[in-house]
Amino acid sequence: MEPMKFVLATHNPGKLKEMSVILGTLGVEVISPADLGLTVDVEETGETFAENAMLKAKAVCALAGLPAIADDSGLCVDALNGGPGVYSARYGGEGLDDRGRYMLLLNSMRGVPTRSAHFETAVACAFPNGETLTAAGRCDGAIAFAPMGTGGFGYDPVFLVPERAKTFGQMTEEEKAALSHRGKALRAFAKELEAYLKK
């Protein structure tokens, strides 16, 4: 049987590999838009992670004519009213890199006693027949007082998981995947997809 092809709406090789491992067991082949010669730049105008993920999935599905999977994630800090949230990747404007963004976050949290925060991921899948699947995951933690560790990406060095007493930046990929919002969302999505494919 031919493996089913799904397009993952990302140009991030790490995400592609992660999704291939999780969905490979279902007989699904995950390809990137680049494999099809497509460039995807969907404006993320949604007010929630779920809306943004669905916007991306539907846009890629329409372009590729294949089922498409997309995700949207962000960091929600209680003291910042849930910010940067859907703006996590654009926090502080275009000119900042990951380090610039988390240092800006630490500065805006200076002297703030409430450090609670959570990471959230929404996964969406759109099929050419108009059907959709969604899944979500979250990981609760706190904002550290200083960056620790060099692993991961984005806000990982400042996101502290209290029960492990370390940041995502200090964890191995395996440790992080077991706990992370993304890992949880992807595993939940795999279950949804498995049930859908059995129908």
N, C-alpha and C. Protein backbone atom coordinates (compact mmCIF):
# COMPACT_ATOMS: atom_id res chain seq x y z
N MET A 1 0.83 -1.20 0.00
CA MET A 1 0.00 0.00 0.00
C MET A 1 0.87 1.25 0.00
N GLU A 2 0.54 2.18 -0.86
CA GLU A 2 1.26 3.46 -0.90
C GLU A 2 1.07 4.19 0.43
N PRO A 3 2.16 4.76 0.99
CA PRO A 3 1.92 5.57 2.20
C PRO A 3 1.14 6.84 1.81
N MET A 4 0.26 7.26 2.71
CA MET A 4 -0.46 8.50 2.47
C MET A 4 0.48 9.67 2.65
N LYS A 5 0.39 10.62 1.75
CA LYS A 5 1.27 11.80 1.87
C LYS A 5 0.51 12.94 2.57
N PHE A 6 1.17 13.50 3.57
CA PHE A 6 0.65 14.69 4.24
C PHE A 6 1.71 15.77 4.14
N VAL A 7 1.28 17.00 3.89
CA VAL A 7 2.23 18.11 3.82
C VAL A 7 2.24 18.81 5.18
N LEU A 8 3.43 19.01 5.72
CA LEU A 8 3.55 19.74 6.98
C LEU A 8 3.91 21.18 6.66
N ALA A 9 3.06 22.10 7.11
CA ALA A 9 3.23 23.52 6.77
C ALA A 9 4.37 24.14 7.57
N THR A 10 5.59 23.77 7.23
CA THR A 10 6.75 24.35 7.92
C THR A 10 7.97 24.27 7.02
N HIS A 11 8.93 25.14 7.28
CA HIS A 11 10.22 25.04 6.60
C HIS A 11 11.27 24.63 7.61
N ASN A 12 10.82 24.16 8.78
CA ASN A 12 11.71 23.80 9.87
C ASN A 12 12.02 22.30 9.81
N PRO A 13 13.29 21.93 9.49
CA PRO A 13 13.62 20.51 9.35
C PRO A 13 13.43 19.71 10.64
N GLY A 14 13.62 20.36 11.78
CA GLY A 14 13.43 19.69 13.07
C GLY A 14 11.99 19.26 13.26
N LYS A 15 11.06 20.14 12.89
CA LYS A 15 9.63 19.83 13.03
C LYS A 15 9.23 18.70 12.08
N LEU A 16 9.82 18.72 10.89
CA LEU A 16 9.51 17.71 9.89
C LEU A 16 9.93 16.33 10.38
N LYS A 17 11.13 16.28 10.95
CA LYS A 17 11.66 15.01 11.45
C LYS A 17 10.80 14.48 12.59
N GLU A 18 10.45 15.38 13.50
CA GLU A 18 9.64 15.04 14.67
C GLU A 18 8.28 14.46 14.23
N MET A 19 7.64 15.12 13.27
CA MET A 19 6.34 14.68 12.79
C MET A 19 6.45 13.36 12.04
N SER A 20 7.53 13.18 11.28
CA SER A 20 7.73 11.93 10.54
C SER A 20 7.83 10.74 11.48
N VAL A 21 8.54 10.93 12.59
CA VAL A 21 8.71 9.86 13.56
C VAL A 21 7.36 9.48 14.16
N ILE A 22 6.58 10.49 14.54
CA ILE A 22 5.30 10.23 15.21
C ILE A 22 4.26 9.64 14.26
N LEU A 23 4.21 10.13 13.02
CA LEU A 23 3.17 9.68 12.09
C LEU A 23 3.59 8.50 11.22
N GLY A 24 4.90 8.23 11.20
CA GLY A 24 5.40 7.12 10.40
C GLY A 24 4.76 5.80 10.78
N THR A 25 4.47 5.64 12.06
CA THR A 25 3.85 4.41 12.56
C THR A 25 2.44 4.22 12.00
N LEU A 26 1.81 5.29 11.51
CA LEU A 26 0.46 5.19 10.95
C LEU A 26 0.50 4.98 9.43
N GLY A 27 1.70 4.79 8.90
CA GLY A 27 1.82 4.63 7.45
C GLY A 27 1.63 5.93 6.70
N VAL A 28 2.01 7.03 7.35
CA VAL A 28 1.88 8.35 6.73
C VAL A 28 3.27 8.88 6.40
N GLU A 29 3.41 9.39 5.20
CA GLU A 29 4.67 10.03 4.81
C GLU A 29 4.50 11.54 4.91
N VAL A 30 5.37 12.17 5.68
CA VAL A 30 5.27 13.62 5.88
C VAL A 30 6.27 14.31 4.96
N ILE A 31 5.77 15.22 4.14
CA ILE A 31 6.65 15.97 3.25
C ILE A 31 6.52 17.46 3.53
N SER A 32 7.50 18.22 3.07
CA SER A 32 7.45 19.66 3.32
C SER A 32 6.94 20.38 2.07
N PRO A 33 6.45 21.60 2.22
CA PRO A 33 6.01 22.37 1.04
C PRO A 33 7.14 22.48 0.01
N ALA A 34 8.38 22.59 0.50
CA ALA A 34 9.53 22.72 -0.40
C ALA A 34 9.67 21.48 -1.30
N ASP A 35 9.33 20.29 -0.76
CA ASP A 35 9.38 19.06 -1.56
C ASP A 35 8.46 19.15 -2.77
N LEU A 36 7.42 19.98 -2.67
CA LEU A 36 6.45 20.13 -3.76
C LEU A 36 6.72 21.41 -4.55
N GLY A 37 7.81 22.09 -4.19
CA GLY A 37 8.13 23.35 -4.87
C GLY A 37 7.22 24.49 -4.47
N LEU A 38 6.60 24.37 -3.27
CA LEU A 38 5.70 25.43 -2.81
C LEU A 38 6.37 26.28 -1.75
N THR A 39 6.08 27.56 -1.77
CA THR A 39 6.53 28.43 -0.69
C THR A 39 5.30 28.83 0.09
N VAL A 40 5.36 28.66 1.38
CA VAL A 40 4.18 28.95 2.18
C VAL A 40 4.46 30.13 3.08
N ASP A 41 3.67 31.16 2.93
CA ASP A 41 3.79 32.29 3.83
C ASP A 41 2.38 32.77 4.12
N VAL A 42 1.79 32.17 5.12
CA VAL A 42 0.40 32.48 5.44
C VAL A 42 0.39 33.54 6.53
N GLU A 43 -0.39 34.57 6.34
CA GLU A 43 -0.48 35.60 7.36
C GLU A 43 -1.26 35.06 8.56
N GLU A 44 -0.62 35.10 9.72
CA GLU A 44 -1.25 34.53 10.91
C GLU A 44 -2.10 35.60 11.59
N THR A 45 -3.33 35.70 11.12
CA THR A 45 -4.22 36.75 11.61
C THR A 45 -5.16 36.25 12.71
N GLY A 46 -5.06 34.98 13.07
CA GLY A 46 -5.94 34.41 14.09
C GLY A 46 -5.68 35.00 15.47
N GLU A 47 -6.69 34.93 16.31
CA GLU A 47 -6.52 35.44 17.68
C GLU A 47 -6.13 34.33 18.64
N THR A 48 -6.16 33.08 18.15
CA THR A 48 -5.76 31.95 19.00
C THR A 48 -4.79 31.09 18.21
N PHE A 49 -4.07 30.22 18.93
CA PHE A 49 -3.14 29.30 18.28
C PHE A 49 -3.91 28.38 17.34
N ALA A 50 -5.10 27.94 17.78
CA ALA A 50 -5.91 27.01 16.98
C ALA A 50 -6.32 27.66 15.65
N GLU A 51 -6.70 28.94 15.71
CA GLU A 51 -7.10 29.65 14.48
C GLU A 51 -5.93 29.77 13.52
N ASN A 52 -4.77 30.14 14.05
CA ASN A 52 -3.59 30.28 13.20
C ASN A 52 -3.18 28.95 12.58
N ALA A 53 -3.22 27.88 13.37
CA ALA A 53 -2.83 26.57 12.84
C ALA A 53 -3.78 26.17 11.72
N MET A 54 -5.08 26.42 11.91
CA MET A 54 -6.06 26.04 10.89
C MET A 54 -5.91 26.89 9.62
N LEU A 55 -5.62 28.19 9.79
CA LEU A 55 -5.38 29.05 8.62
C LEU A 55 -4.25 28.48 7.77
N LYS A 56 -3.16 28.08 8.44
CA LYS A 56 -2.00 27.54 7.72
C LYS A 56 -2.32 26.21 7.06
N ALA A 57 -3.00 25.32 7.80
CA ALA A 57 -3.31 23.99 7.27
C ALA A 57 -4.21 24.11 6.03
N LYS A 58 -5.23 24.95 6.12
CA LYS A 58 -6.17 25.10 4.99
C LYS A 58 -5.48 25.71 3.77
N ALA A 59 -4.62 26.69 4.01
CA ALA A 59 -3.92 27.34 2.90
C ALA A 59 -3.02 26.35 2.18
N VAL A 60 -2.28 25.55 2.92
CA VAL A 60 -1.36 24.59 2.33
C VAL A 60 -2.12 23.46 1.64
N CYS A 61 -3.20 23.02 2.26
CA CYS A 61 -4.04 21.99 1.67
C CYS A 61 -4.58 22.44 0.31
N ALA A 62 -5.02 23.69 0.25
CA ALA A 62 -5.56 24.24 -1.00
C ALA A 62 -4.49 24.32 -2.08
N LEU A 63 -3.27 24.72 -1.68
CA LEU A 63 -2.17 24.84 -2.64
C LEU A 63 -1.68 23.48 -3.13
N ALA A 64 -1.58 22.53 -2.19
CA ALA A 64 -0.95 21.26 -2.51
C ALA A 64 -1.94 20.20 -3.01
N GLY A 65 -3.21 20.39 -2.67
CA GLY A 65 -4.20 19.38 -3.01
C GLY A 65 -4.00 18.08 -2.24
N LEU A 66 -3.31 18.18 -1.12
CA LEU A 66 -3.04 17.03 -0.25
C LEU A 66 -3.44 17.40 1.17
N PRO A 67 -3.67 16.40 2.04
CA PRO A 67 -3.92 16.75 3.44
C PRO A 67 -2.73 17.54 3.99
N ALA A 68 -3.01 18.54 4.78
CA ALA A 68 -1.93 19.39 5.31
C ALA A 68 -2.06 19.52 6.82
N ILE A 69 -0.91 19.53 7.48
CA ILE A 69 -0.85 19.66 8.93
C ILE A 69 -0.08 20.93 9.25
N ALA A 70 -0.56 21.68 10.23
CA ALA A 70 0.15 22.88 10.66
C ALA A 70 0.05 22.99 12.16
N ASP A 71 0.99 23.71 12.75
CA ASP A 71 0.85 23.95 14.18
C ASP A 71 1.20 25.39 14.48
N ASP A 72 0.73 25.85 15.62
CA ASP A 72 1.09 27.19 16.07
C ASP A 72 1.30 27.09 17.57
N SER A 73 2.37 27.67 18.03
CA SER A 73 2.70 27.57 19.45
C SER A 73 3.10 28.92 19.97
N GLY A 74 3.06 29.04 21.28
CA GLY A 74 3.53 30.28 21.87
C GLY A 74 3.64 30.17 23.37
N LEU A 75 4.22 31.19 23.93
CA LEU A 75 4.44 31.28 25.36
C LEU A 75 3.44 32.27 25.93
N CYS A 76 2.72 31.84 26.96
CA CYS A 76 1.72 32.70 27.60
C CYS A 76 2.15 32.96 29.03
N VAL A 77 2.43 34.21 29.34
CA VAL A 77 2.94 34.58 30.66
C VAL A 77 1.82 35.27 31.45
N ASP A 78 1.51 34.73 32.62
CA ASP A 78 0.40 35.26 33.41
C ASP A 78 0.56 36.74 33.72
N ALA A 79 1.77 37.14 34.11
CA ALA A 79 1.99 38.54 34.50
C ALA A 79 1.87 39.49 33.31
N LEU A 80 1.95 38.95 32.09
CA LEU A 80 1.80 39.79 30.89
C LEU A 80 0.42 39.57 30.26
N ASN A 81 -0.55 39.20 31.10
CA ASN A 81 -1.92 38.95 30.62
C ASN A 81 -1.97 37.91 29.51
N GLY A 82 -1.13 36.90 29.63
CA GLY A 82 -1.13 35.84 28.63
C GLY A 82 -0.24 36.13 27.43
N GLY A 83 0.44 37.27 27.44
CA GLY A 83 1.37 37.60 26.35
C GLY A 83 2.67 36.85 26.52
N PRO A 84 3.54 36.84 25.53
CA PRO A 84 3.33 37.30 24.15
C PRO A 84 2.33 36.45 23.34
N GLY A 85 2.00 35.23 23.83
CA GLY A 85 0.94 34.46 23.21
C GLY A 85 1.12 34.25 21.72
N VAL A 86 0.07 34.58 20.93
CA VAL A 86 0.15 34.35 19.49
C VAL A 86 1.22 35.22 18.83
N TYR A 87 1.73 36.20 19.56
CA TYR A 87 2.79 37.06 18.99
C TYR A 87 4.18 36.61 19.42
N SER A 88 4.29 35.42 20.02
CA SER A 88 5.58 34.97 20.57
C SER A 88 6.73 35.07 19.58
N ALA A 89 6.48 34.63 18.33
CA ALA A 89 7.56 34.62 17.33
C ALA A 89 7.88 36.03 16.83
N ARG A 90 6.95 36.97 17.06
CA ARG A 90 7.17 38.34 16.55
C ARG A 90 7.33 39.34 17.70
N TYR A 91 7.48 38.83 18.91
CA TYR A 91 7.58 39.66 20.11
C TYR A 91 8.76 40.61 19.99
N GLY A 92 8.50 41.89 20.22
CA GLY A 92 9.59 42.87 20.17
C GLY A 92 9.90 43.34 18.76
N GLY A 93 9.16 42.86 17.77
CA GLY A 93 9.36 43.31 16.39
C GLY A 93 10.26 42.39 15.59
N GLU A 94 10.37 42.71 14.31
CA GLU A 94 11.06 41.85 13.34
C GLU A 94 12.56 41.70 13.60
N GLY A 95 13.18 42.74 14.16
CA GLY A 95 14.64 42.76 14.23
C GLY A 95 15.27 41.82 15.24
N LEU A 96 14.47 41.22 16.12
CA LEU A 96 15.04 40.44 17.20
C LEU A 96 15.21 38.96 16.85
N ASP A 97 16.30 38.37 17.36
CA ASP A 97 16.47 36.92 17.24
C ASP A 97 15.93 36.29 18.52
N ASP A 98 16.03 34.95 18.62
CA ASP A 98 15.51 34.25 19.80
C ASP A 98 16.05 34.85 21.10
N ARG A 99 17.37 35.07 21.14
CA ARG A 99 17.98 35.59 22.36
C ARG A 99 17.45 36.99 22.68
N GLY A 100 17.34 37.81 21.64
CA GLY A 100 16.81 39.17 21.82
C GLY A 100 15.41 39.14 22.41
N ARG A 101 14.60 38.17 21.93
CA ARG A 101 13.22 38.07 22.42
C ARG A 101 13.16 37.63 23.87
N TYR A 102 13.95 36.59 24.23
CA TYR A 102 13.83 36.17 25.63
C TYR A 102 14.48 37.14 26.60
N MET A 103 15.49 37.90 26.14
CA MET A 103 16.07 38.92 27.02
C MET A 103 15.06 40.07 27.22
N LEU A 104 14.33 40.41 26.17
CA LEU A 104 13.28 41.43 26.27
C LEU A 104 12.21 40.96 27.27
N LEU A 105 11.87 39.67 27.18
CA LEU A 105 10.88 39.11 28.09
C LEU A 105 11.38 39.20 29.54
N LEU A 106 12.64 38.81 29.76
CA LEU A 106 13.20 38.86 31.12
C LEU A 106 13.20 40.30 31.64
N ASN A 107 13.54 41.25 30.77
CA ASN A 107 13.54 42.66 31.19
C ASN A 107 12.14 43.13 31.56
N SER A 108 11.14 42.70 30.79
CA SER A 108 9.78 43.15 31.09
C SER A 108 9.24 42.47 32.35
N MET A 109 9.91 41.39 32.79
CA MET A 109 9.49 40.67 34.00
C MET A 109 10.31 41.07 35.22
N ARG A 110 11.20 42.03 35.04
CA ARG A 110 12.08 42.42 36.15
C ARG A 110 11.26 42.88 37.35
N GLY A 111 11.54 42.28 38.52
CA GLY A 111 10.83 42.67 39.73
C GLY A 111 9.41 42.13 39.83
N VAL A 112 9.01 41.28 38.89
CA VAL A 112 7.66 40.72 38.94
C VAL A 112 7.70 39.40 39.72
N PRO A 113 6.97 39.32 40.85
CA PRO A 113 7.06 38.10 41.66
C PRO A 113 6.32 36.91 41.04
N THR A 114 5.24 37.18 40.30
CA THR A 114 4.48 36.08 39.69
C THR A 114 5.16 35.65 38.41
N ARG A 115 5.75 34.46 38.42
CA ARG A 115 6.53 34.02 37.25
C ARG A 115 5.81 32.95 36.44
N SER A 116 4.57 32.58 36.85
CA SER A 116 3.90 31.46 36.19
C SER A 116 3.64 31.74 34.71
N ALA A 117 3.78 30.67 33.91
CA ALA A 117 3.63 30.79 32.46
C ALA A 117 3.30 29.40 31.92
N HIS A 118 2.80 29.35 30.70
CA HIS A 118 2.67 28.04 30.05
C HIS A 118 2.93 28.17 28.56
N PHE A 119 3.40 27.08 28.00
CA PHE A 119 3.56 26.98 26.56
C PHE A 119 2.34 26.26 26.02
N GLU A 120 1.87 26.68 24.88
CA GLU A 120 0.70 26.05 24.29
C GLU A 120 0.96 25.76 22.82
N THR A 121 0.47 24.64 22.34
CA THR A 121 0.57 24.29 20.93
C THR A 121 -0.80 23.84 20.44
N ALA A 122 -1.17 24.28 19.26
CA ALA A 122 -2.37 23.77 18.59
C ALA A 122 -1.92 23.14 17.29
N VAL A 123 -2.46 21.97 16.98
CA VAL A 123 -2.17 21.30 15.72
C VAL A 123 -3.48 21.23 14.94
N ALA A 124 -3.41 21.52 13.65
CA ALA A 124 -4.60 21.43 12.81
C ALA A 124 -4.26 20.66 11.55
N CYS A 125 -5.24 19.93 11.05
CA CYS A 125 -5.06 19.17 9.82
C CYS A 125 -6.27 19.43 8.93
N ALA A 126 -6.01 19.76 7.68
CA ALA A 126 -7.10 20.01 6.72
C ALA A 126 -6.99 19.01 5.58
N PHE A 127 -8.11 18.39 5.25
CA PHE A 127 -8.15 17.43 4.14
C PHE A 127 -8.79 18.08 2.93
N PRO A 128 -8.40 17.63 1.71
CA PRO A 128 -8.98 18.21 0.50
C PRO A 128 -10.51 18.10 0.45
N ASN A 129 -11.09 17.14 1.16
CA ASN A 129 -12.56 17.02 1.15
C ASN A 129 -13.25 17.99 2.11
N GLY A 130 -12.45 18.86 2.75
CA GLY A 130 -13.03 19.87 3.64
C GLY A 130 -13.08 19.45 5.10
N GLU A 131 -12.76 18.18 5.38
CA GLU A 131 -12.77 17.75 6.78
C GLU A 131 -11.51 18.25 7.50
N THR A 132 -11.62 18.43 8.80
CA THR A 132 -10.48 18.93 9.58
C THR A 132 -10.34 18.15 10.89
N LEU A 133 -9.14 18.14 11.42
CA LEU A 133 -8.85 17.57 12.74
C LEU A 133 -8.06 18.60 13.54
N THR A 134 -8.25 18.60 14.83
CA THR A 134 -7.45 19.51 15.67
C THR A 134 -7.01 18.80 16.94
N ALA A 135 -5.92 19.27 17.50
CA ALA A 135 -5.44 18.75 18.79
C ALA A 135 -4.66 19.87 19.46
N ALA A 136 -4.50 19.76 20.77
CA ALA A 136 -3.77 20.82 21.50
C ALA A 136 -2.96 20.20 22.63
N GLY A 137 -1.98 20.94 23.10
CA GLY A 137 -1.19 20.50 24.24
C GLY A 137 -0.68 21.70 24.99
N ARG A 138 -0.45 21.54 26.29
CA ARG A 138 0.16 22.65 27.03
C ARG A 138 1.11 22.11 28.07
N CYS A 139 2.05 22.95 28.44
CA CYS A 139 3.02 22.60 29.47
C CYS A 139 3.14 23.80 30.41
N ASP A 140 2.87 23.55 31.69
CA ASP A 140 2.93 24.64 32.66
C ASP A 140 4.32 24.77 33.26
N GLY A 141 4.70 25.99 33.53
CA GLY A 141 6.01 26.22 34.11
C GLY A 141 6.11 27.64 34.64
N ALA A 142 7.31 28.16 34.61
CA ALA A 142 7.55 29.51 35.13
C ALA A 142 8.67 30.15 34.33
N ILE A 143 8.73 31.47 34.39
CA ILE A 143 9.81 32.19 33.72
C ILE A 143 10.99 32.29 34.68
N ALA A 144 12.14 31.79 34.23
CA ALA A 144 13.35 31.82 35.07
C ALA A 144 13.81 33.27 35.23
N PHE A 145 14.72 33.48 36.18
CA PHE A 145 15.24 34.84 36.39
C PHE A 145 16.39 35.15 35.45
N ALA A 146 16.97 34.10 34.86
CA ALA A 146 18.07 34.27 33.90
C ALA A 146 18.05 33.08 32.97
N PRO A 147 18.56 33.24 31.73
CA PRO A 147 18.57 32.11 30.81
C PRO A 147 19.48 30.99 31.31
N MET A 148 19.06 29.74 31.13
CA MET A 148 19.87 28.59 31.54
C MET A 148 19.80 27.53 30.46
N GLY A 149 20.97 27.06 30.05
CA GLY A 149 21.01 25.99 29.05
C GLY A 149 21.03 26.56 27.64
N THR A 150 21.52 25.77 26.71
CA THR A 150 21.67 26.24 25.33
C THR A 150 20.88 25.35 24.37
N GLY A 151 20.12 24.41 24.90
CA GLY A 151 19.35 23.51 24.04
C GLY A 151 18.08 24.17 23.55
N GLY A 152 17.41 23.45 22.66
CA GLY A 152 16.10 23.91 22.19
C GLY A 152 16.20 25.16 21.34
N PHE A 153 15.11 25.91 21.31
CA PHE A 153 15.08 27.14 20.51
C PHE A 153 14.04 28.07 21.13
N GLY A 154 13.92 29.26 20.57
CA GLY A 154 12.90 30.18 21.07
C GLY A 154 13.13 30.54 22.53
N TYR A 155 12.08 30.40 23.33
CA TYR A 155 12.13 30.82 24.74
C TYR A 155 12.61 29.70 25.67
N ASP A 156 13.07 28.58 25.11
CA ASP A 156 13.43 27.42 25.93
C ASP A 156 14.38 27.72 27.10
N PRO A 157 15.41 28.56 26.91
CA PRO A 157 16.35 28.78 28.03
C PRO A 157 15.75 29.53 29.22
N VAL A 158 14.59 30.18 29.03
CA VAL A 158 14.00 30.91 30.16
C VAL A 158 12.70 30.27 30.66
N PHE A 159 12.32 29.11 30.07
CA PHE A 159 11.10 28.43 30.50
C PHE A 159 11.46 27.31 31.46
N LEU A 160 11.13 27.53 32.73
CA LEU A 160 11.52 26.62 33.80
C LEU A 160 10.38 25.64 34.08
N VAL A 161 10.73 24.34 34.14
CA VAL A 161 9.74 23.33 34.51
C VAL A 161 10.04 22.95 35.97
N PRO A 162 9.22 23.47 36.90
CA PRO A 162 9.55 23.36 38.32
C PRO A 162 9.79 21.93 38.81
N GLU A 163 8.97 20.96 38.36
CA GLU A 163 9.18 19.61 38.91
C GLU A 163 10.50 18.98 38.44
N ARG A 164 11.06 19.50 37.35
CA ARG A 164 12.37 19.01 36.90
C ARG A 164 13.50 19.92 37.36
N ALA A 165 13.12 21.08 37.89
CA ALA A 165 14.10 22.09 38.33
C ALA A 165 15.10 22.44 37.24
N LYS A 166 14.64 22.42 35.99
CA LYS A 166 15.48 22.92 34.91
C LYS A 166 14.64 23.51 33.79
N THR A 167 15.31 24.29 32.95
CA THR A 167 14.60 24.91 31.83
C THR A 167 14.58 23.93 30.66
N PHE A 168 13.71 24.21 29.68
CA PHE A 168 13.71 23.44 28.44
C PHE A 168 15.10 23.49 27.80
N GLY A 169 15.78 24.61 27.97
CA GLY A 169 17.11 24.77 27.38
C GLY A 169 18.15 23.85 28.00
N GLN A 170 17.86 23.32 29.19
CA GLN A 170 18.80 22.42 29.88
C GLN A 170 18.45 20.94 29.67
N MET A 171 17.35 20.67 28.98
CA MET A 171 16.91 19.29 28.81
C MET A 171 17.42 18.68 27.52
N THR A 172 17.49 17.36 27.51
CA THR A 172 17.79 16.66 26.25
C THR A 172 16.52 16.74 25.40
N GLU A 173 16.66 16.45 24.12
CA GLU A 173 15.50 16.48 23.23
C GLU A 173 14.43 15.50 23.71
N GLU A 174 14.88 14.34 24.19
CA GLU A 174 13.94 13.30 24.65
C GLU A 174 13.16 13.77 25.87
N GLU A 175 13.89 14.36 26.82
CA GLU A 175 13.26 14.86 28.05
C GLU A 175 12.21 15.91 27.71
N LYS A 176 12.62 16.82 26.83
CA LYS A 176 11.72 17.91 26.47
C LYS A 176 10.48 17.37 25.74
N ALA A 177 10.69 16.42 24.82
CA ALA A 177 9.57 15.88 24.04
C ALA A 177 8.54 15.20 24.94
N ALA A 178 9.01 14.57 26.01
CA ALA A 178 8.11 13.85 26.92
C ALA A 178 7.20 14.81 27.67
N LEU A 179 7.70 16.02 27.93
CA LEU A 179 6.96 16.99 28.74
C LEU A 179 6.32 18.10 27.94
N SER A 180 6.88 18.38 26.77
CA SER A 180 6.54 19.65 26.12
C SER A 180 5.13 19.68 25.56
N HIS A 181 4.65 20.91 25.45
CA HIS A 181 3.36 21.21 24.85
C HIS A 181 3.26 20.62 23.45
N ARG A 182 4.37 20.74 22.69
CA ARG A 182 4.38 20.25 21.31
C ARG A 182 4.30 18.74 21.27
N GLY A 183 5.09 18.10 22.16
CA GLY A 183 5.05 16.64 22.23
C GLY A 183 3.65 16.14 22.55
N LYS A 184 3.01 16.80 23.53
CA LYS A 184 1.65 16.40 23.94
C LYS A 184 0.65 16.61 22.80
N ALA A 185 0.75 17.75 22.13
CA ALA A 185 -0.18 18.05 21.04
C ALA A 185 0.00 17.07 19.88
N LEU A 186 1.25 16.74 19.56
CA LEU A 186 1.51 15.83 18.45
C LEU A 186 1.04 14.42 18.76
N ARG A 187 1.23 13.99 20.00
CA ARG A 187 0.75 12.65 20.37
C ARG A 187 -0.79 12.60 20.35
N ALA A 188 -1.42 13.67 20.81
CA ALA A 188 -2.88 13.74 20.77
C ALA A 188 -3.36 13.76 19.32
N PHE A 189 -2.64 14.48 18.48
CA PHE A 189 -3.01 14.55 17.06
C PHE A 189 -2.87 13.19 16.39
N ALA A 190 -1.79 12.47 16.71
CA ALA A 190 -1.58 11.14 16.12
C ALA A 190 -2.76 10.22 16.44
N LYS A 191 -3.27 10.31 17.68
CA LYS A 191 -4.44 9.50 18.07
C LYS A 191 -5.67 9.87 17.25
N GLU A 192 -5.89 11.20 17.08
CA GLU A 192 -7.02 11.69 16.28
C GLU A 192 -6.92 11.17 14.84
N LEU A 193 -5.71 11.26 14.29
CA LEU A 193 -5.50 10.87 12.90
C LEU A 193 -5.70 9.37 12.73
N GLU A 194 -5.21 8.62 13.71
CA GLU A 194 -5.35 7.16 13.64
C GLU A 194 -6.83 6.78 13.59
N ALA A 195 -7.62 7.42 14.45
CA ALA A 195 -9.06 7.15 14.48
C ALA A 195 -9.72 7.56 13.16
N TYR A 196 -9.29 8.70 12.61
CA TYR A 196 -9.85 9.21 11.35
C TYR A 196 -9.54 8.26 10.20
N LEU A 197 -8.31 7.77 10.15
CA LEU A 197 -7.88 6.90 9.04
C LEU A 197 -8.57 5.54 9.09
N LYS A 198 -9.04 5.14 10.27
CA LYS A 198 -9.71 3.85 10.43
C LYS A 198 -11.16 3.91 9.96
N LYS A 199 -11.68 5.14 9.85
CA LYS A 199 -13.10 5.31 9.52
C LYS A 199 -13.44 4.71 8.16
